[in-house]
Amino acid sequence: MPHYEAQNVDAVWTIVVAGGSGARFGKPKQYEHIAGVRMIDRSVAVARAASAGVVVVVPAADVERERSLIEAVVVAGGATRSESVRAGLAAVPAEATVVLVHDAARPCASPALYAAVVAAVAAGAAGAIPGVPVTDTIKVVDAAGHVAATPDRASLVAVQTPQAFRADVLRAAHASGAEGTDDAALVETLGGAVVVVPGEVDNRKITHPDDLEWVRARLATIGGDPGEW
């Protein structure tokens, strides 16, 4: 496994991925409002506070409009999440030393969570990802629908974003054009050490309308200012 030295974090950039069509949600969820602010804007606001620069990836048809609305570099995404990350990565300056990838659909990620994953990379990890304990029993099921295994849930975590990586490692992981459900999976294939930091229960991903209502209710109780989370 490659060994990495402590990393300079003076040039931290974040890619906010908001290129989805919202097929499961029913419409592009990144533009839904939460406490009077669009979901995408709330996610970008925290990323800007935690980074030297931000690249936002949106559907190609929305690029011109979003460039007039968002204080960040805005680029068109691709057909898959990994393609969208690569589009964002191409817009990150070469001098960036740490790159975070965050899903706009997690609008409650806190500044402290950003700081935690960056600190882990600064300490020498190839990547750092937030994770929360799995509370349900998980079954591995084969193609016929039969249970093949029951992993020990004590060894399992549900992974969140933002995920932070050494910039050179993330670029190398995406160089082959591989696909993955998250960027950590691509880095893992290179043998890079990816560490898990404690995630946040409130950092819920909005996938269905019920998730949006949950986030709206939660923010109503904790306050809508991203700087206060």
C-alpha atoms as a PDB file:
ATOM      1  CA  MET A   1       0.000   0.000   0.000  1.00  0.00           C
ATOM      2  CA  PRO A   2       1.429   3.415  -0.923  1.00  0.00           C
ATOM      3  CA  HIS A   3       2.677   5.596   1.928  1.00  0.00           C
ATOM      4  CA  TYR A   4       1.786   9.279   1.880  1.00  0.00           C
ATOM      5  CA  GLU A   5       3.398  12.079   3.831  1.00  0.00           C
ATOM      6  CA  ALA A   6       1.513  14.809   5.634  1.00  0.00           C
ATOM      7  CA  GLN A   7      -0.174  17.087   3.116  1.00  0.00           C
ATOM      8  CA  ASN A   8      -0.162  20.871   2.761  1.00  0.00           C
ATOM      9  CA  VAL A   9      -3.766  22.041   2.983  1.00  0.00           C
ATOM     10  CA  ASP A  10      -3.265  25.636   1.890  1.00  0.00           C
ATOM     11  CA  ALA A  11      -4.953  24.930  -1.462  1.00  0.00           C
ATOM     12  CA  VAL A  12      -8.178  23.057  -0.703  1.00  0.00           C
ATOM     13  CA  TRP A  13     -10.828  22.935  -3.429  1.00  0.00           C
ATOM     14  CA  THR A  14     -14.293  21.397  -3.326  1.00  0.00           C
ATOM     15  CA  ILE A  15     -16.318  19.911  -6.158  1.00  0.00           C
ATOM     16  CA  VAL A  16     -20.048  20.133  -5.430  1.00  0.00           C
ATOM     17  CA  VAL A  17     -21.846  17.571  -7.571  1.00  0.00           C
ATOM     18  CA  ALA A  18     -25.340  18.708  -8.589  1.00  0.00           C
ATOM     19  CA  GLY A  19     -25.598  17.238 -12.066  1.00  0.00           C
ATOM     20  CA  GLY A  20     -28.415  14.759 -11.528  1.00  0.00           C
ATOM     21  CA  SER A  21     -31.815  14.854 -13.195  1.00  0.00           C
ATOM     22  CA  GLY A  22     -33.659  13.879 -10.005  1.00  0.00           C
ATOM     23  CA  ALA A  23     -35.241  10.767 -11.524  1.00  0.00           C
ATOM     24  CA  ARG A  24     -36.000   9.158  -8.145  1.00  0.00           C
ATOM     25  CA  PHE A  25     -37.073  12.461  -6.625  1.00  0.00           C
ATOM     26  CA  GLY A  26     -39.354  13.366  -9.528  1.00  0.00           C
ATOM     27  CA  LYS A  27     -37.580  16.582 -10.572  1.00  0.00           C
ATOM     28  CA  PRO A  28     -34.152  18.230 -10.187  1.00  0.00           C
ATOM     29  CA  LYS A  29     -33.980  18.268  -6.399  1.00  0.00           C
ATOM     30  CA  GLN A  30     -30.861  20.454  -6.218  1.00  0.00           C
ATOM     31  CA  TYR A  31     -33.008  23.538  -6.909  1.00  0.00           C
ATOM     32  CA  GLU A  32     -35.610  22.838  -4.221  1.00  0.00           C
ATOM     33  CA  HIS A  33     -35.804  25.422  -1.443  1.00  0.00           C
ATOM     34  CA  ILE A  34     -34.920  24.734   2.185  1.00  0.00           C
ATOM     35  CA  ALA A  35     -35.488  27.506   4.724  1.00  0.00           C
ATOM     36  CA  GLY A  36     -35.719  30.006   1.883  1.00  0.00           C
ATOM     37  CA  VAL A  37     -32.473  28.941   0.182  1.00  0.00           C
ATOM     38  CA  ARG A  38     -32.010  26.544  -2.702  1.00  0.00           C
ATOM     39  CA  MET A  39     -30.453  23.221  -1.759  1.00  0.00           C
ATOM     40  CA  ILE A  40     -27.552  23.758  -4.158  1.00  0.00           C
ATOM     41  CA  ASP A  41     -26.827  27.222  -2.739  1.00  0.00           C
ATOM     42  CA  ARG A  42     -26.844  25.920   0.845  1.00  0.00           C
ATOM     43  CA  SER A  43     -24.341  23.184  -0.058  1.00  0.00           C
ATOM     44  CA  VAL A  44     -22.128  25.601  -1.969  1.00  0.00           C
ATOM     45  CA  ALA A  45     -22.146  28.118   0.902  1.00  0.00           C
ATOM     46  CA  VAL A  46     -20.546  25.653   3.317  1.00  0.00           C
ATOM     47  CA  ALA A  47     -18.083  24.463   0.669  1.00  0.00           C
ATOM     48  CA  ARG A  48     -16.988  28.049  -0.028  1.00  0.00           C
ATOM     49  CA  ALA A  49     -16.393  28.684   3.666  1.00  0.00           C
ATOM     50  CA  ALA A  50     -14.224  25.564   3.920  1.00  0.00           C
ATOM     51  CA  SER A  51     -12.286  25.865   0.667  1.00  0.00           C
ATOM     52  CA  ALA A  52     -10.031  28.131  -1.341  1.00  0.00           C
ATOM     53  CA  GLY A  53     -12.304  27.556  -4.331  1.00  0.00           C
ATOM     54  CA  VAL A  54     -15.401  25.640  -5.410  1.00  0.00           C
ATOM     55  CA  VAL A  55     -16.413  23.972  -8.660  1.00  0.00           C
ATOM     56  CA  VAL A  56     -20.120  23.250  -9.050  1.00  0.00           C
ATOM     57  CA  VAL A  57     -21.260  20.601 -11.526  1.00  0.00           C
ATOM     58  CA  VAL A  58     -24.788  21.024 -12.922  1.00  0.00           C
ATOM     59  CA  PRO A  59     -26.758  19.656 -15.899  1.00  0.00           C
ATOM     60  CA  ALA A  60     -25.479  21.085 -19.177  1.00  0.00           C
ATOM     61  CA  ALA A  61     -28.746  22.903 -19.867  1.00  0.00           C
ATOM     62  CA  ASP A  62     -28.452  24.799 -16.568  1.00  0.00           C
ATOM     63  CA  VAL A  63     -24.844  26.002 -16.809  1.00  0.00           C
ATOM     64  CA  GLU A  64     -25.451  29.529 -18.109  1.00  0.00           C
ATOM     65  CA  ARG A  65     -28.239  30.218 -15.617  1.00  0.00           C
ATOM     66  CA  GLU A  66     -26.281  28.884 -12.659  1.00  0.00           C
ATOM     67  CA  ARG A  67     -23.176  30.879 -13.580  1.00  0.00           C
ATOM     68  CA  SER A  68     -25.245  33.995 -12.994  1.00  0.00           C
ATOM     69  CA  LEU A  69     -26.536  32.720  -9.645  1.00  0.00           C
ATOM     70  CA  ILE A  70     -23.613  30.933  -7.961  1.00  0.00           C
ATOM     71  CA  GLU A  71     -20.325  32.465  -6.816  1.00  0.00           C
ATOM     72  CA  ALA A  72     -18.179  29.562  -7.977  1.00  0.00           C
ATOM     73  CA  VAL A  73     -16.839  27.903 -11.101  1.00  0.00           C
ATOM     74  CA  VAL A  74     -19.818  26.204 -12.782  1.00  0.00           C
ATOM     75  CA  VAL A  75     -19.363  23.400 -15.320  1.00  0.00           C
ATOM     76  CA  ALA A  76     -21.545  20.870 -17.101  1.00  0.00           C
ATOM     77  CA  GLY A  77     -21.797  17.370 -15.715  1.00  0.00           C
ATOM     78  CA  GLY A  78     -21.786  14.043 -17.493  1.00  0.00           C
ATOM     79  CA  ALA A  79     -24.069  11.048 -17.868  1.00  0.00           C
ATOM     80  CA  THR A  80     -22.873   9.448 -14.607  1.00  0.00           C
ATOM     81  CA  ARG A  81     -21.749  10.692 -11.226  1.00  0.00           C
ATOM     82  CA  SER A  82     -18.129   9.735 -11.930  1.00  0.00           C
ATOM     83  CA  GLU A  83     -18.228  11.588 -15.249  1.00  0.00           C
ATOM     84  CA  SER A  84     -19.560  14.642 -13.439  1.00  0.00           C
ATOM     85  CA  VAL A  85     -16.777  14.462 -10.854  1.00  0.00           C
ATOM     86  CA  ARG A  86     -14.216  14.258 -13.657  1.00  0.00           C
ATOM     87  CA  ALA A  87     -15.753  17.331 -15.282  1.00  0.00           C
ATOM     88  CA  GLY A  88     -15.399  19.168 -11.992  1.00  0.00           C
ATOM     89  CA  LEU A  89     -11.893  17.885 -11.425  1.00  0.00           C
ATOM     90  CA  ALA A  90     -10.815  19.215 -14.822  1.00  0.00           C
ATOM     91  CA  ALA A  91     -11.756  22.708 -13.616  1.00  0.00           C
ATOM     92  CA  VAL A  92      -9.817  22.458 -10.343  1.00  0.00           C
ATOM     93  CA  PRO A  93      -6.493  24.334 -10.591  1.00  0.00           C
ATOM     94  CA  ALA A  94      -3.347  22.235 -10.891  1.00  0.00           C
ATOM     95  CA  GLU A  95      -1.956  23.796  -7.708  1.00  0.00           C
ATOM     96  CA  ALA A  96      -4.736  22.360  -5.533  1.00  0.00           C
ATOM     97  CA  THR A  97      -3.304  19.982  -2.933  1.00  0.00           C
ATOM     98  CA  VAL A  98      -6.535  18.602  -1.451  1.00  0.00           C
ATOM     99  CA  VAL A  99      -9.813  18.115  -3.305  1.00  0.00           C
ATOM    100  CA  LEU A 100     -13.139  17.402  -1.641  1.00  0.00           C
ATOM    101  CA  VAL A 101     -16.161  15.957  -3.410  1.00  0.00           C
ATOM    102  CA  HIS A 102     -19.570  16.731  -1.968  1.00  0.00           C
ATOM    103  CA  ASP A 103     -23.078  15.869  -3.109  1.00  0.00           C
ATOM    104  CA  ALA A 104     -25.350  18.904  -3.241  1.00  0.00           C
ATOM    105  CA  ALA A 105     -28.107  16.554  -2.075  1.00  0.00           C
ATOM    106  CA  ARG A 106     -26.526  16.591   1.415  1.00  0.00           C
ATOM    107  CA  PRO A 107     -27.260  20.213   2.343  1.00  0.00           C
ATOM    108  CA  CYS A 108     -26.713  19.757   6.091  1.00  0.00           C
ATOM    109  CA  ALA A 109     -23.031  18.817   6.059  1.00  0.00           C
ATOM    110  CA  SER A 110     -21.370  21.047   8.642  1.00  0.00           C
ATOM    111  CA  PRO A 111     -18.154  23.083   8.447  1.00  0.00           C
ATOM    112  CA  ALA A 112     -16.788  20.822  11.196  1.00  0.00           C
ATOM    113  CA  LEU A 113     -17.257  17.779   8.964  1.00  0.00           C
ATOM    114  CA  TYR A 114     -15.311  19.461   6.166  1.00  0.00           C
ATOM    115  CA  ALA A 115     -12.550  20.271   8.630  1.00  0.00           C
ATOM    116  CA  ALA A 116     -12.427  16.681   9.890  1.00  0.00           C
ATOM    117  CA  VAL A 117     -11.885  15.068   6.496  1.00  0.00           C
ATOM    118  CA  VAL A 118      -9.345  17.697   5.460  1.00  0.00           C
ATOM    119  CA  ALA A 119      -7.436  17.189   8.715  1.00  0.00           C
ATOM    120  CA  ALA A 120      -7.219  13.443   8.071  1.00  0.00           C
ATOM    121  CA  VAL A 121      -5.702  14.040   4.625  1.00  0.00           C
ATOM    122  CA  ALA A 122      -3.383  16.650   6.102  1.00  0.00           C
ATOM    123  CA  ALA A 123      -2.163  13.972   8.512  1.00  0.00           C
ATOM    124  CA  GLY A 124      -1.173  11.681   5.645  1.00  0.00           C
ATOM    125  CA  ALA A 125      -4.223   9.723   4.460  1.00  0.00           C
ATOM    126  CA  ALA A 126      -4.838   9.368   0.734  1.00  0.00           C
ATOM    127  CA  GLY A 127      -8.501  10.026   1.400  1.00  0.00           C
ATOM    128  CA  ALA A 128     -10.934  10.580   4.249  1.00  0.00           C
ATOM    129  CA  ILE A 129     -14.655   9.897   4.292  1.00  0.00           C
ATOM    130  CA  PRO A 130     -17.396  10.440   6.894  1.00  0.00           C
ATOM    131  CA  GLY A 131     -19.237   7.349   8.089  1.00  0.00           C
ATOM    132  CA  VAL A 132     -22.045   6.613  10.530  1.00  0.00           C
ATOM    133  CA  PRO A 133     -22.687   3.246  12.197  1.00  0.00           C
ATOM    134  CA  VAL A 134     -25.116   0.874  10.486  1.00  0.00           C
ATOM    135  CA  THR A 135     -28.022   0.133  12.810  1.00  0.00           C
ATOM    136  CA  ASP A 136     -29.920  -2.360  10.648  1.00  0.00           C
ATOM    137  CA  THR A 137     -28.831  -5.948  10.085  1.00  0.00           C
ATOM    138  CA  ILE A 138     -27.391  -6.246   6.562  1.00  0.00           C
ATOM    139  CA  LYS A 139     -27.814  -9.328   4.376  1.00  0.00           C
ATOM    140  CA  VAL A 140     -25.791 -10.229   1.281  1.00  0.00           C
ATOM    141  CA  VAL A 141     -28.261 -11.690  -1.240  1.00  0.00           C
ATOM    142  CA  ASP A 142     -27.440 -13.724  -4.337  1.00  0.00           C
ATOM    143  CA  ALA A 143     -29.084 -13.481  -7.775  1.00  0.00           C
ATOM    144  CA  ALA A 144     -31.760 -15.978  -6.777  1.00  0.00           C
ATOM    145  CA  GLY A 145     -32.773 -13.911  -3.755  1.00  0.00           C
ATOM    146  CA  HIS A 146     -31.179 -16.238  -1.219  1.00  0.00           C
ATOM    147  CA  VAL A 147     -29.188 -14.909   1.720  1.00  0.00           C
ATOM    148  CA  ALA A 148     -25.513 -15.571   1.050  1.00  0.00           C
ATOM    149  CA  ALA A 149     -24.010 -13.913   4.128  1.00  0.00           C
ATOM    150  CA  THR A 150     -24.740 -11.733   7.132  1.00  0.00           C
ATOM    151  CA  PRO A 151     -21.796  -9.402   7.734  1.00  0.00           C
ATOM    152  CA  ASP A 152     -21.059  -8.191  11.233  1.00  0.00           C
ATOM    153  CA  ARG A 153     -22.606  -4.740  11.341  1.00  0.00           C
ATOM    154  CA  ALA A 154     -19.962  -3.640  13.847  1.00  0.00           C
ATOM    155  CA  SER A 155     -17.570  -3.495  10.890  1.00  0.00           C
ATOM    156  CA  LEU A 156     -19.961  -1.568   8.637  1.00  0.00           C
ATOM    157  CA  VAL A 157     -20.518   2.153   8.196  1.00  0.00           C
ATOM    158  CA  ALA A 158     -22.843   4.140   5.950  1.00  0.00           C
ATOM    159  CA  VAL A 159     -20.686   6.574   4.009  1.00  0.00           C
ATOM    160  CA  GLN A 160     -21.423  10.267   3.464  1.00  0.00           C
ATOM    161  CA  THR A 161     -19.872  13.270   1.757  1.00  0.00           C
ATOM    162  CA  PRO A 162     -17.865  15.504   1.767  1.00  0.00           C
ATOM    163  CA  GLN A 163     -15.013  13.144   0.972  1.00  0.00           C
ATOM    164  CA  ALA A 164     -11.488  14.571   0.910  1.00  0.00           C
ATOM    165  CA  PHE A 165      -8.491  13.337  -1.076  1.00  0.00           C
ATOM    166  CA  ARG A 166      -4.965  14.239  -1.978  1.00  0.00           C
ATOM    167  CA  ALA A 167      -5.434  16.006  -5.310  1.00  0.00           C
ATOM    168  CA  ASP A 168      -2.873  13.853  -7.111  1.00  0.00           C
ATOM    169  CA  VAL A 169      -4.480  10.650  -5.828  1.00  0.00           C
ATOM    170  CA  LEU A 170      -7.985  11.680  -6.868  1.00  0.00           C
ATOM    171  CA  ARG A 171      -6.765  12.661 -10.329  1.00  0.00           C
ATOM    172  CA  ALA A 172      -5.003   9.311 -10.691  1.00  0.00           C
ATOM    173  CA  ALA A 173      -8.116   7.442  -9.549  1.00  0.00           C
ATOM    174  CA  HIS A 174     -10.201   9.113 -12.235  1.00  0.00           C
ATOM    175  CA  ALA A 175      -7.591   8.941 -14.995  1.00  0.00           C
ATOM    176  CA  SER A 176      -8.839   5.573 -16.259  1.00  0.00           C
ATOM    177  CA  GLY A 177     -12.421   6.760 -16.635  1.00  0.00           C
ATOM    178  CA  ALA A 178     -13.612   4.160 -14.123  1.00  0.00           C
ATOM    179  CA  GLU A 179     -17.045   4.313 -12.518  1.00  0.00           C
ATOM    180  CA  GLY A 180     -17.816   4.057  -8.812  1.00  0.00           C
ATOM    181  CA  THR A 181     -20.639   4.750  -6.411  1.00  0.00           C
ATOM    182  CA  ASP A 182     -18.323   7.145  -4.615  1.00  0.00           C
ATOM    183  CA  ASP A 183     -14.831   8.494  -5.169  1.00  0.00           C
ATOM    184  CA  ALA A 184     -13.350   6.583  -2.268  1.00  0.00           C
ATOM    185  CA  ALA A 185     -14.075   3.331  -4.108  1.00  0.00           C
ATOM    186  CA  LEU A 186     -11.913   4.494  -7.015  1.00  0.00           C
ATOM    187  CA  VAL A 187      -9.084   5.560  -4.706  1.00  0.00           C
ATOM    188  CA  GLU A 188      -9.264   2.207  -2.921  1.00  0.00           C
ATOM    189  CA  THR A 189      -8.507   0.425  -6.211  1.00  0.00           C
ATOM    190  CA  LEU A 190      -5.171   2.259  -6.306  1.00  0.00           C
ATOM    191  CA  GLY A 191      -4.274   0.919  -2.885  1.00  0.00           C
ATOM    192  CA  GLY A 192      -4.583   4.322  -1.254  1.00  0.00           C
ATOM    193  CA  ALA A 193      -5.309   4.424   2.475  1.00  0.00           C
ATOM    194  CA  VAL A 194      -8.810   5.827   2.961  1.00  0.00           C
ATOM    195  CA  VAL A 195      -9.756   6.556   6.565  1.00  0.00           C
ATOM    196  CA  VAL A 196     -13.204   7.007   8.065  1.00  0.00           C
ATOM    197  CA  VAL A 197     -14.038   9.941  10.336  1.00  0.00           C
ATOM    198  CA  PRO A 198     -17.268  10.196  12.346  1.00  0.00           C
ATOM    199  CA  GLY A 199     -20.125  11.316  10.132  1.00  0.00           C
ATOM    200  CA  GLU A 200     -23.171  13.324  11.143  1.00  0.00           C
ATOM    201  CA  VAL A 201     -26.687  11.999  11.621  1.00  0.00           C
ATOM    202  CA  ASP A 202     -28.119  15.264  10.283  1.00  0.00           C
ATOM    203  CA  ASN A 203     -26.043  14.935   7.099  1.00  0.00           C
ATOM    204  CA  ARG A 204     -28.896  13.095   5.427  1.00  0.00           C
ATOM    205  CA  LYS A 205     -28.980  12.643   1.659  1.00  0.00           C
ATOM    206  CA  ILE A 206     -32.120  13.901  -0.006  1.00  0.00           C
ATOM    207  CA  THR A 207     -33.282  11.151  -2.342  1.00  0.00           C
ATOM    208  CA  HIS A 208     -37.068  11.213  -1.996  1.00  0.00           C
ATOM    209  CA  PRO A 209     -39.560  14.007  -1.170  1.00  0.00           C
ATOM    210  CA  ASP A 210     -39.881  12.655   2.377  1.00  0.00           C
ATOM    211  CA  ASP A 211     -36.165  13.318   2.900  1.00  0.00           C
ATOM    212  CA  LEU A 212     -36.650  16.928   1.857  1.00  0.00           C
ATOM    213  CA  GLU A 213     -39.469  17.379   4.353  1.00  0.00           C
ATOM    214  CA  TRP A 214     -37.285  15.855   7.090  1.00  0.00           C
ATOM    215  CA  VAL A 215     -34.451  18.300   6.332  1.00  0.00           C
ATOM    216  CA  ARG A 216     -36.821  21.262   6.265  1.00  0.00           C
ATOM    217  CA  ALA A 217     -38.202  20.288   9.651  1.00  0.00           C
ATOM    218  CA  ARG A 218     -34.735  19.701  11.081  1.00  0.00           C
ATOM    219  CA  LEU A 219     -33.374  23.049   9.912  1.00  0.00           C
ATOM    220  CA  ALA A 220     -36.400  24.754  11.395  1.00  0.00           C
ATOM    221  CA  THR A 221     -35.238  23.518  14.799  1.00  0.00           C
ATOM    222  CA  ILE A 222     -31.461  24.108  14.502  1.00  0.00           C
ATOM    223  CA  GLY A 223     -31.428  27.285  12.438  1.00  0.00           C
ATOM    224  CA  GLY A 224     -30.933  27.902   8.753  1.00  0.00           C
ATOM    225  CA  ASP A 225     -27.538  29.625   8.768  1.00  0.00           C
ATOM    226  CA  PRO A 226     -24.905  27.168   7.480  1.00  0.00           C
ATOM    227  CA  GLY A 227     -22.302  28.847   9.649  1.00  0.00           C
ATOM    228  CA  GLU A 228     -24.213  27.811  12.771  1.00  0.00           C
ATOM    229  CA  TRP A 229     -24.472  24.078  12.078  1.00  0.00           C
END
